[in-house]
Amino acid sequence: MVLGFIIYETIDIAYNVGKLGYNGVYGMYNWYYDVKTEDQEEIERLDRLENKIDKISKLFEDNDLKEKIHELNLKIKK
């Protein structure tokens, strides 16, 4: 009975130490080679969208929208 418990605990500790080691190496690899996760890519995408929204809202606040459209039309026609 006690031998089974010792074997069970030994296997449990070995598993958890192995998992911690694997996750540590995996995390260091991703950090060193700057591997992006899906969450990081989504955050960067949201940041870019927020910047675009800020630019558009700034155009509306400045009432400069007609001039900007006119400038863009001139650039397109060239």
PDB file of N, CA and C in Angstrom:
ATOM      1  N   MET A   1       0.816  -1.195   0.000  1.00  0.00           N
ATOM      2  CA  MET A   1       0.000   0.000   0.000  1.00  0.00           C
ATOM      3  C   MET A   1       0.861   1.261   0.000  1.00  0.00           C
ATOM      4  N   VAL A   2       1.827   1.300   0.894  1.00  0.00           N
ATOM      5  CA  VAL A   2       2.712   2.459   0.971  1.00  0.00           C
ATOM      6  C   VAL A   2       3.594   2.520  -0.270  1.00  0.00           C
ATOM      7  N   LEU A   3       4.009   1.358  -0.775  1.00  0.00           N
ATOM      8  CA  LEU A   3       4.852   1.324  -1.971  1.00  0.00           C
ATOM      9  C   LEU A   3       4.097   1.902  -3.179  1.00  0.00           C
ATOM     10  N   GLY A   4       2.814   1.607  -3.302  1.00  0.00           N
ATOM     11  CA  GLY A   4       2.002   2.142  -4.392  1.00  0.00           C
ATOM     12  C   GLY A   4       1.892   3.654  -4.305  1.00  0.00           C
ATOM     13  N   PHE A   5       1.730   4.156  -3.085  1.00  0.00           N
ATOM     14  CA  PHE A   5       1.637   5.599  -2.889  1.00  0.00           C
ATOM     15  C   PHE A   5       2.954   6.284  -3.254  1.00  0.00           C
ATOM     16  N   ILE A   6       4.075   5.687  -2.860  1.00  0.00           N
ATOM     17  CA  ILE A   6       5.390   6.262  -3.173  1.00  0.00           C
ATOM     18  C   ILE A   6       5.619   6.262  -4.678  1.00  0.00           C
ATOM     19  N   ILE A   7       5.255   5.167  -5.339  1.00  0.00           N
ATOM     20  CA  ILE A   7       5.414   5.098  -6.795  1.00  0.00           C
ATOM     21  C   ILE A   7       4.518   6.134  -7.476  1.00  0.00           C
ATOM     22  N   TYR A   8       3.279   6.267  -7.008  1.00  0.00           N
ATOM     23  CA  TYR A   8       2.357   7.241  -7.582  1.00  0.00           C
ATOM     24  C   TYR A   8       2.902   8.660  -7.434  1.00  0.00           C
ATOM     25  N   GLU A   9       3.364   8.989  -6.243  1.00  0.00           N
ATOM     26  CA  GLU A   9       3.900  10.332  -6.004  1.00  0.00           C
ATOM     27  C   GLU A   9       5.168  10.580  -6.815  1.00  0.00           C
ATOM     28  N   THR A  10       6.003   9.570  -6.985  1.00  0.00           N
ATOM     29  CA  THR A  10       7.222   9.710  -7.777  1.00  0.00           C
ATOM     30  C   THR A  10       6.872   9.998  -9.232  1.00  0.00           C
ATOM     31  N   ILE A  11       5.920   9.268  -9.763  1.00  0.00           N
ATOM     32  CA  ILE A  11       5.497   9.492 -11.147  1.00  0.00           C
ATOM     33  C   ILE A  11       4.868  10.869 -11.291  1.00  0.00           C
ATOM     34  N   ASP A  12       4.074  11.279 -10.307  1.00  0.00           N
ATOM     35  CA  ASP A  12       3.432  12.588 -10.352  1.00  0.00           C
ATOM     36  C   ASP A  12       4.466  13.708 -10.327  1.00  0.00           C
ATOM     37  N   ILE A  13       5.450  13.600  -9.471  1.00  0.00           N
ATOM     38  CA  ILE A  13       6.501  14.615  -9.393  1.00  0.00           C
ATOM     39  C   ILE A  13       7.318  14.639 -10.680  1.00  0.00           C
ATOM     40  N   ALA A  14       7.655  13.467 -11.213  1.00  0.00           N
ATOM     41  CA  ALA A  14       8.430  13.406 -12.455  1.00  0.00           C
ATOM     42  C   ALA A  14       7.650  14.049 -13.609  1.00  0.00           C
ATOM     43  N   TYR A  15       6.354  13.782 -13.660  1.00  0.00           N
ATOM     44  CA  TYR A  15       5.524  14.371 -14.707  1.00  0.00           C
ATOM     45  C   TYR A  15       5.498  15.893 -14.596  1.00  0.00           C
ATOM     46  N   ASN A  16       5.261  16.378 -13.387  1.00  0.00           N
ATOM     47  CA  ASN A  16       5.156  17.833 -13.194  1.00  0.00           C
ATOM     48  C   ASN A  16       6.487  18.538 -13.423  1.00  0.00           C
ATOM     49  N   VAL A  17       7.588  17.938 -13.016  1.00  0.00           N
ATOM     50  CA  VAL A  17       8.900  18.540 -13.261  1.00  0.00           C
ATOM     51  C   VAL A  17       9.188  18.540 -14.763  1.00  0.00           C
ATOM     52  N   GLY A  18       8.846  17.463 -15.453  1.00  0.00           N
ATOM     53  CA  GLY A  18       9.027  17.399 -16.900  1.00  0.00           C
ATOM     54  C   GLY A  18       8.189  18.437 -17.621  1.00  0.00           C
ATOM     55  N   LYS A  19       6.950  18.606 -17.175  1.00  0.00           N
ATOM     56  CA  LYS A  19       6.075  19.592 -17.797  1.00  0.00           C
ATOM     57  C   LYS A  19       6.586  21.012 -17.548  1.00  0.00           C
ATOM     58  N   LEU A  20       7.049  21.297 -16.339  1.00  0.00           N
ATOM     59  CA  LEU A  20       7.618  22.609 -16.044  1.00  0.00           C
ATOM     60  C   LEU A  20       8.863  22.869 -16.895  1.00  0.00           C
ATOM     61  N   GLY A  21       9.705  21.858 -17.042  1.00  0.00           N
ATOM     62  CA  GLY A  21      10.908  22.011 -17.864  1.00  0.00           C
ATOM     63  C   GLY A  21      10.567  22.256 -19.324  1.00  0.00           C
ATOM     64  N   TYR A  22       9.621  21.498 -19.847  1.00  0.00           N
ATOM     65  CA  TYR A  22       9.211  21.661 -21.241  1.00  0.00           C
ATOM     66  C   TYR A  22       8.633  23.051 -21.467  1.00  0.00           C
ATOM     67  N   ASN A  23       7.712  23.468 -20.597  1.00  0.00           N
ATOM     68  CA  ASN A  23       7.096  24.791 -20.762  1.00  0.00           C
ATOM     69  C   ASN A  23       8.125  25.901 -20.602  1.00  0.00           C
ATOM     70  N   GLY A  24       9.105  25.714 -19.738  1.00  0.00           N
ATOM     71  CA  GLY A  24      10.158  26.709 -19.579  1.00  0.00           C
ATOM     72  C   GLY A  24      11.003  26.840 -20.826  1.00  0.00           C
ATOM     73  N   VAL A  25      11.411  25.710 -21.390  1.00  0.00           N
ATOM     74  CA  VAL A  25      12.223  25.733 -22.615  1.00  0.00           C
ATOM     75  C   VAL A  25      11.407  26.291 -23.776  1.00  0.00           C
ATOM     76  N   TYR A  26      10.162  25.892 -23.873  1.00  0.00           N
ATOM     77  CA  TYR A  26       9.277  26.376 -24.937  1.00  0.00           C
ATOM     78  C   TYR A  26       9.091  27.893 -24.827  1.00  0.00           C
ATOM     79  N   GLY A  27       8.870  28.386 -23.624  1.00  0.00           N
ATOM     80  CA  GLY A  27       8.701  29.814 -23.418  1.00  0.00           C
ATOM     81  C   GLY A  27       9.968  30.600 -23.727  1.00  0.00           C
ATOM     82  N   MET A  28      11.117  30.084 -23.338  1.00  0.00           N
ATOM     83  CA  MET A  28      12.376  30.769 -23.623  1.00  0.00           C
ATOM     84  C   MET A  28      12.646  30.791 -25.128  1.00  0.00           C
ATOM     85  N   TYR A  29      12.337  29.711 -25.809  1.00  0.00           N
ATOM     86  CA  TYR A  29      12.515  29.660 -27.260  1.00  0.00           C
ATOM     87  C   TYR A  29      11.652  30.726 -27.930  1.00  0.00           C
ATOM     88  N   ASN A  30      10.370  30.794 -27.542  1.00  0.00           N
ATOM     89  CA  ASN A  30       9.466  31.783 -28.134  1.00  0.00           C
ATOM     90  C   ASN A  30       9.906  33.205 -27.807  1.00  0.00           C
ATOM     91  N   TRP A  31      10.416  33.417 -26.613  1.00  0.00           N
ATOM     92  CA  TRP A  31      10.885  34.742 -26.234  1.00  0.00           C
ATOM     93  C   TRP A  31      12.140  35.116 -27.027  1.00  0.00           C
ATOM     94  N   TYR A  32      13.083  34.200 -27.143  1.00  0.00           N
ATOM     95  CA  TYR A  32      14.353  34.497 -27.804  1.00  0.00           C
ATOM     96  C   TYR A  32      14.161  34.765 -29.290  1.00  0.00           C
ATOM     97  N   TYR A  33      13.333  33.954 -29.945  1.00  0.00           N
ATOM     98  CA  TYR A  33      13.112  34.118 -31.382  1.00  0.00           C
ATOM     99  C   TYR A  33      11.911  35.003 -31.693  1.00  0.00           C
ATOM    100  N   ASP A  34      11.345  35.630 -30.675  1.00  0.00           N
ATOM    101  CA  ASP A  34      10.234  36.572 -30.820  1.00  0.00           C
ATOM    102  C   ASP A  34       9.077  35.968 -31.612  1.00  0.00           C
ATOM    103  N   VAL A  35       8.659  34.777 -31.199  1.00  0.00           N
ATOM    104  CA  VAL A  35       7.531  34.099 -31.828  1.00  0.00           C
ATOM    105  C   VAL A  35       6.251  34.716 -31.270  1.00  0.00           C
ATOM    106  N   LYS A  36       5.380  35.179 -32.159  1.00  0.00           N
ATOM    107  CA  LYS A  36       4.138  35.833 -31.751  1.00  0.00           C
ATOM    108  C   LYS A  36       3.052  34.790 -31.522  1.00  0.00           C
ATOM    109  N   THR A  37       2.297  34.975 -30.466  1.00  0.00           N
ATOM    110  CA  THR A  37       1.137  34.124 -30.243  1.00  0.00           C
ATOM    111  C   THR A  37      -0.076  34.785 -30.898  1.00  0.00           C
ATOM    112  N   GLU A  38      -1.159  34.057 -30.963  1.00  0.00           N
ATOM    113  CA  GLU A  38      -2.369  34.600 -31.581  1.00  0.00           C
ATOM    114  C   GLU A  38      -2.877  35.808 -30.800  1.00  0.00           C
ATOM    115  N   ASP A  39      -2.735  35.765 -29.478  1.00  0.00           N
ATOM    116  CA  ASP A  39      -3.191  36.890 -28.659  1.00  0.00           C
ATOM    117  C   ASP A  39      -2.385  38.145 -28.957  1.00  0.00           C
ATOM    118  N   GLN A  40      -1.076  38.008 -29.097  1.00  0.00           N
ATOM    119  CA  GLN A  40      -0.237  39.164 -29.385  1.00  0.00           C
ATOM    120  C   GLN A  40      -0.563  39.753 -30.754  1.00  0.00           C
ATOM    121  N   GLU A  41      -0.795  38.886 -31.737  1.00  0.00           N
ATOM    122  CA  GLU A  41      -1.155  39.363 -33.078  1.00  0.00           C
ATOM    123  C   GLU A  41      -2.494  40.086 -33.044  1.00  0.00           C
ATOM    124  N   GLU A  42      -3.443  39.568 -32.266  1.00  0.00           N
ATOM    125  CA  GLU A  42      -4.753  40.197 -32.162  1.00  0.00           C
ATOM    126  C   GLU A  42      -4.641  41.564 -31.477  1.00  0.00           C
ATOM    127  N   ILE A  43      -3.809  41.662 -30.448  1.00  0.00           N
ATOM    128  CA  ILE A  43      -3.611  42.934 -29.754  1.00  0.00           C
ATOM    129  C   ILE A  43      -2.988  43.962 -30.699  1.00  0.00           C
ATOM    130  N   GLU A  44      -1.983  43.547 -31.486  1.00  0.00           N
ATOM    131  CA  GLU A  44      -1.366  44.462 -32.447  1.00  0.00           C
ATOM    132  C   GLU A  44      -2.375  44.917 -33.503  1.00  0.00           C
ATOM    133  N   ARG A  45      -3.215  44.009 -33.940  1.00  0.00           N
ATOM    134  CA  ARG A  45      -4.249  44.346 -34.925  1.00  0.00           C
ATOM    135  C   ARG A  45      -5.231  45.356 -34.344  1.00  0.00           C
ATOM    136  N   LEU A  46      -5.633  45.155 -33.103  1.00  0.00           N
ATOM    137  CA  LEU A  46      -6.549  46.090 -32.460  1.00  0.00           C
ATOM    138  C   LEU A  46      -5.900  47.455 -32.271  1.00  0.00           C
ATOM    139  N   ASP A  47      -4.609  47.477 -31.956  1.00  0.00           N
ATOM    140  CA  ASP A  47      -3.897  48.748 -31.819  1.00  0.00           C
ATOM    141  C   ASP A  47      -3.874  49.511 -33.144  1.00  0.00           C
ATOM    142  N   ARG A  48      -3.620  48.792 -34.253  1.00  0.00           N
ATOM    143  CA  ARG A  48      -3.626  49.447 -35.560  1.00  0.00           C
ATOM    144  C   ARG A  48      -5.008  49.999 -35.887  1.00  0.00           C
ATOM    145  N   LEU A  49      -6.066  49.236 -35.566  1.00  0.00           N
ATOM    146  CA  LEU A  49      -7.422  49.705 -35.827  1.00  0.00           C
ATOM    147  C   LEU A  49      -7.757  50.931 -34.977  1.00  0.00           C
ATOM    148  N   GLU A  50      -7.306  50.931 -33.716  1.00  0.00           N
ATOM    149  CA  GLU A  50      -7.543  52.096 -32.859  1.00  0.00           C
ATOM    150  C   GLU A  50      -6.839  53.329 -33.411  1.00  0.00           C
ATOM    151  N   ASN A  51      -5.641  53.152 -33.934  1.00  0.00           N
ATOM    152  CA  ASN A  51      -4.919  54.282 -34.525  1.00  0.00           C
ATOM    153  C   ASN A  51      -5.663  54.828 -35.733  1.00  0.00           C
ATOM    154  N   LYS A  52      -6.198  53.931 -36.570  1.00  0.00           N
ATOM    155  CA  LYS A  52      -6.965  54.377 -37.734  1.00  0.00           C
ATOM    156  C   LYS A  52      -8.211  55.143 -37.302  1.00  0.00           C
ATOM    157  N   ILE A  53      -8.889  54.640 -36.290  1.00  0.00           N
ATOM    158  CA  ILE A  53     -10.096  55.314 -35.793  1.00  0.00           C
ATOM    159  C   ILE A  53      -9.737  56.689 -35.254  1.00  0.00           C
ATOM    160  N   ASP A  54      -8.619  56.779 -34.528  1.00  0.00           N
ATOM    161  CA  ASP A  54      -8.180  58.078 -33.998  1.00  0.00           C
ATOM    162  C   ASP A  54      -7.907  59.075 -35.119  1.00  0.00           C
ATOM    163  N   LYS A  55      -7.255  58.617 -36.186  1.00  0.00           N
ATOM    164  CA  LYS A  55      -6.973  59.504 -37.315  1.00  0.00           C
ATOM    165  C   LYS A  55      -8.261  59.995 -37.966  1.00  0.00           C
ATOM    166  N   ILE A  56      -9.210  59.085 -38.160  1.00  0.00           N
ATOM    167  CA  ILE A  56     -10.476  59.459 -38.793  1.00  0.00           C
ATOM    168  C   ILE A  56     -11.267  60.406 -37.897  1.00  0.00           C
ATOM    169  N   SER A  57     -11.311  60.126 -36.603  1.00  0.00           N
ATOM    170  CA  SER A  57     -12.059  61.015 -35.703  1.00  0.00           C
ATOM    171  C   SER A  57     -11.389  62.385 -35.614  1.00  0.00           C
ATOM    172  N   LYS A  58     -10.064  62.432 -35.726  1.00  0.00           N
ATOM    173  CA  LYS A  58      -9.364  63.705 -35.715  1.00  0.00           C
ATOM    174  C   LYS A  58      -9.737  64.528 -36.953  1.00  0.00           C
ATOM    175  N   LEU A  59      -9.896  63.862 -38.095  1.00  0.00           N
ATOM    176  CA  LEU A  59     -10.324  64.563 -39.302  1.00  0.00           C
ATOM    177  C   LEU A  59     -11.706  65.183 -39.121  1.00  0.00           C
ATOM    178  N   PHE A  60     -12.611  64.441 -38.498  1.00  0.00           N
ATOM    179  CA  PHE A  60     -13.953  64.961 -38.269  1.00  0.00           C
ATOM    180  C   PHE A  60     -13.943  66.109 -37.267  1.00  0.00           C
ATOM    181  N   GLU A  61     -13.099  66.006 -36.248  1.00  0.00           N
ATOM    182  CA  GLU A  61     -13.035  67.058 -35.234  1.00  0.00           C
ATOM    183  C   GLU A  61     -12.479  68.353 -35.813  1.00  0.00           C
ATOM    184  N   ASP A  62     -11.509  68.239 -36.698  1.00  0.00           N
ATOM    185  CA  ASP A  62     -10.883  69.425 -37.279  1.00  0.00           C
ATOM    186  C   ASP A  62     -11.703  70.037 -38.405  1.00  0.00           C
ATOM    187  N   ASN A  63     -12.770  69.382 -38.806  1.00  0.00           N
ATOM    188  CA  ASN A  63     -13.583  69.817 -39.948  1.00  0.00           C
ATOM    189  C   ASN A  63     -12.710  70.018 -41.186  1.00  0.00           C
ATOM    190  N   ASP A  64     -11.739  69.181 -41.301  1.00  0.00           N
ATOM    191  CA  ASP A  64     -10.760  69.277 -42.372  1.00  0.00           C
ATOM    192  C   ASP A  64     -10.972  68.164 -43.395  1.00  0.00           C
ATOM    193  N   LEU A  65     -12.107  67.509 -43.286  1.00  0.00           N
ATOM    194  CA  LEU A  65     -12.358  66.330 -44.098  1.00  0.00           C
ATOM    195  C   LEU A  65     -12.467  66.659 -45.588  1.00  0.00           C
ATOM    196  N   LYS A  66     -13.143  67.725 -45.941  1.00  0.00           N
ATOM    197  CA  LYS A  66     -13.314  68.075 -47.355  1.00  0.00           C
ATOM    198  C   LYS A  66     -11.967  68.386 -48.002  1.00  0.00           C
ATOM    199  N   GLU A  67     -11.108  69.084 -47.278  1.00  0.00           N
ATOM    200  CA  GLU A  67      -9.789  69.408 -47.825  1.00  0.00           C
ATOM    201  C   GLU A  67      -8.951  68.150 -48.034  1.00  0.00           C
ATOM    202  N   LYS A  68      -9.022  67.241 -47.088  1.00  0.00           N
ATOM    203  CA  LYS A  68      -8.254  65.993 -47.208  1.00  0.00           C
ATOM    204  C   LYS A  68      -8.746  65.162 -48.382  1.00  0.00           C
ATOM    205  N   ILE A  69     -10.052  65.096 -48.557  1.00  0.00           N
ATOM    206  CA  ILE A  69     -10.608  64.346 -49.685  1.00  0.00           C
ATOM    207  C   ILE A  69     -10.176  64.984 -50.996  1.00  0.00           C
ATOM    208  N   HIS A  70     -10.195  66.298 -51.046  1.00  0.00           N
ATOM    209  CA  HIS A  70      -9.763  67.016 -52.244  1.00  0.00           C
ATOM    210  C   HIS A  70      -8.282  66.731 -52.539  1.00  0.00           C
ATOM    211  N   GLU A  71      -7.445  66.742 -51.507  1.00  0.00           N
ATOM    212  CA  GLU A  71      -6.018  66.439 -51.691  1.00  0.00           C
ATOM    213  C   GLU A  71      -5.828  65.011 -52.189  1.00  0.00           C
ATOM    214  N   LEU A  72      -6.598  64.082 -51.645  1.00  0.00           N
ATOM    215  CA  LEU A  72      -6.487  62.686 -52.076  1.00  0.00           C
ATOM    216  C   LEU A  72      -6.929  62.521 -53.528  1.00  0.00           C
ATOM    217  N   ASN A  73      -7.979  63.221 -53.911  1.00  0.00           N
ATOM    218  CA  ASN A  73      -8.441  63.155 -55.302  1.00  0.00           C
ATOM    219  C   ASN A  73      -7.389  63.694 -56.229  1.00  0.00           C
ATOM    220  N   LEU A  74      -6.715  64.762 -55.837  1.00  0.00           N
ATOM    221  CA  LEU A  74      -5.658  65.319 -56.676  1.00  0.00           C
ATOM    222  C   LEU A  74      -4.496  64.336 -56.808  1.00  0.00           C
ATOM    223  N   LYS A  75      -4.154  63.648 -55.725  1.00  0.00           N
ATOM    224  CA  LYS A  75      -3.064  62.676 -55.768  1.00  0.00           C
ATOM    225  C   LYS A  75      -3.411  61.489 -56.650  1.00  0.00           C
ATOM    226  N   ILE A  76      -4.683  61.080 -56.600  1.00  0.00           N
ATOM    227  CA  ILE A  76      -5.132  59.933 -57.410  1.00  0.00           C
ATOM    228  C   ILE A  76      -5.112  60.290 -58.895  1.00  0.00           C
ATOM    229  N   LYS A  77      -5.511  61.511 -59.234  1.00  0.00           N
ATOM    230  CA  LYS A  77      -5.602  61.922 -60.624  1.00  0.00           C
ATOM    231  C   LYS A  77      -4.219  62.076 -61.262  1.00  0.00           C
ATOM    232  N   LYS A  78      -3.190  62.274 -60.470  1.00  0.00           N
ATOM    233  CA  LYS A  78      -1.840  62.473 -61.036  1.00  0.00           C
ATOM    234  C   LYS A  78      -1.285  61.215 -61.589  1.00  0.00           C
TER     235      LYS A  78
END
